[in-house]
Protein backbone atom coordinates (compact mmCIF):
# COMPACT_ATOMS: atom_id res chain seq x y z
CA MET A 1 17.89 -8.43 -12.28
CA ALA A 2 14.82 -6.91 -13.88
CA PHE A 3 12.64 -8.27 -16.64
CA ALA A 4 10.94 -5.32 -18.29
CA PRO A 5 10.52 -3.58 -21.60
CA GLN A 6 13.88 -1.98 -22.44
CA ALA A 7 12.55 1.58 -22.25
CA TYR A 8 11.18 1.02 -18.73
CA ALA A 9 14.34 -0.78 -17.58
CA GLY A 10 16.40 2.12 -18.93
CA GLU A 11 14.21 4.60 -17.06
CA LEU A 12 14.69 2.68 -13.81
CA ALA A 13 18.44 2.42 -14.33
CA GLY A 14 18.58 6.18 -14.86
CA ALA A 15 16.68 6.74 -11.62
CA PHE A 16 18.59 4.12 -9.60
CA ILE A 17 20.37 6.73 -7.48
CA GLY A 18 18.73 10.12 -7.38
CA PRO A 19 18.55 13.12 -5.06
CA GLY A 20 16.52 11.10 -2.55
CA GLY A 21 18.89 8.12 -2.56
CA ILE A 22 18.25 4.70 -4.05
CA ASP A 23 14.92 4.34 -5.87
CA PRO A 24 12.86 1.70 -4.01
CA ARG A 25 11.50 0.37 -7.33
CA THR A 26 15.01 -0.86 -8.05
CA ALA A 27 16.23 -1.80 -4.57
CA TYR A 28 13.35 -4.10 -3.61
CA PRO A 29 11.64 -7.01 -5.37
CA SER A 30 8.64 -6.17 -7.52
CA GLU A 31 6.46 -8.64 -5.57
CA GLN A 32 5.53 -8.78 -1.90
CA PRO A 33 7.80 -10.93 0.33
CA GLY A 34 6.94 -14.61 0.01
CA THR A 35 5.37 -14.14 -3.43
CA PRO A 36 7.10 -16.04 -6.26
CA LEU A 37 8.78 -13.99 -8.98
CA VAL A 38 7.12 -15.20 -12.18
CA VAL A 39 7.91 -13.70 -15.57
CA ASN A 40 4.71 -13.98 -17.57
CA GLY A 41 4.75 -10.93 -19.85
CA THR A 42 1.87 -9.21 -18.03
CA SER A 43 3.10 -8.50 -14.50
CA HIS A 44 2.27 -4.98 -13.31
CA GLY A 45 0.71 -4.19 -16.68
CA ASN A 46 4.11 -3.67 -18.27
CA ALA A 47 5.79 -7.08 -17.78
CA PHE A 48 7.99 -5.76 -14.94
CA VAL A 49 9.50 -8.36 -12.62
CA ASN A 50 12.45 -7.38 -10.43
CA THR A 51 14.53 -9.47 -8.02
CA GLY A 52 15.62 -6.33 -6.18
CA MET A 53 19.20 -5.80 -5.11
CA LEU A 54 21.15 -8.86 -4.02
CA ASP A 55 24.13 -8.80 -1.68
CA SER A 56 26.33 -11.47 -0.10
CA VAL A 57 27.49 -9.21 2.78
CA LYS A 58 26.07 -10.68 6.00
CA SER A 59 25.55 -7.29 7.67
CA THR A 60 22.99 -6.12 5.10
CA PRO A 61 19.32 -7.14 5.03
CA LEU A 62 19.46 -7.89 1.29
CA PRO A 63 19.18 -11.50 0.16
CA LYS A 64 22.08 -13.34 -1.48
CA ARG A 65 19.96 -14.85 -4.24
CA ALA A 66 16.55 -14.86 -5.85
CA ALA A 67 14.63 -17.37 -7.94
CA VAL A 68 12.65 -16.41 -11.01
CA SER A 69 10.36 -18.73 -12.96
CA PHE A 70 8.75 -18.37 -16.37
CA SER A 71 5.11 -19.19 -17.08
CA LYS A 72 5.47 -19.94 -20.79
CA PRO A 73 8.09 -20.52 -23.48
CA GLY A 74 9.63 -17.49 -25.09
CA THR A 75 12.64 -15.19 -25.04
CA TYR A 76 12.78 -12.80 -22.12
CA GLN A 77 15.05 -9.76 -21.90
CA TYR A 78 16.74 -8.98 -18.59
CA TYR A 79 18.57 -5.89 -17.44
CA CYS A 80 20.66 -5.15 -14.38
CA ILE A 81 19.26 -1.93 -12.95
CA VAL A 82 22.46 -1.31 -10.94
CA HIS A 83 25.02 -1.94 -13.69
CA GLY A 84 22.92 -0.75 -16.62
CA ALA A 85 23.62 -1.63 -20.22
CA GLU A 86 26.81 -3.50 -19.32
CA MET A 87 24.73 -6.31 -17.83
CA LYS A 88 21.80 -7.16 -20.03
CA GLY A 89 20.84 -10.17 -22.05
CA SER A 90 18.11 -12.65 -22.74
CA ILE A 91 16.90 -15.99 -21.51
CA THR A 92 15.14 -18.40 -23.85
CA VAL A 93 12.62 -20.78 -22.30
CA LYS A 94 11.73 -23.80 -24.41
CA PRO A 95 8.68 -26.05 -24.01
């Protein structure tokens, strides 16, 4: 799941699988391992926060789940880079 401006999320979804394979910006979390995923509207200069791909198959190195927190109230748009427009929505955080 990615939190990003819609235009950037759409760009990433379009580049998800390209000539070189899976785009690492979509496959891996936007933060270094061990760093919390915090949606704050300013991450990476464009509000991009990505959980990376998740997978419940034991033979893959991908995690089964990810936790995301929000630093302030507001409505945040999310987008599934893998599934595209079919899996998007918003989360509202109240004080």
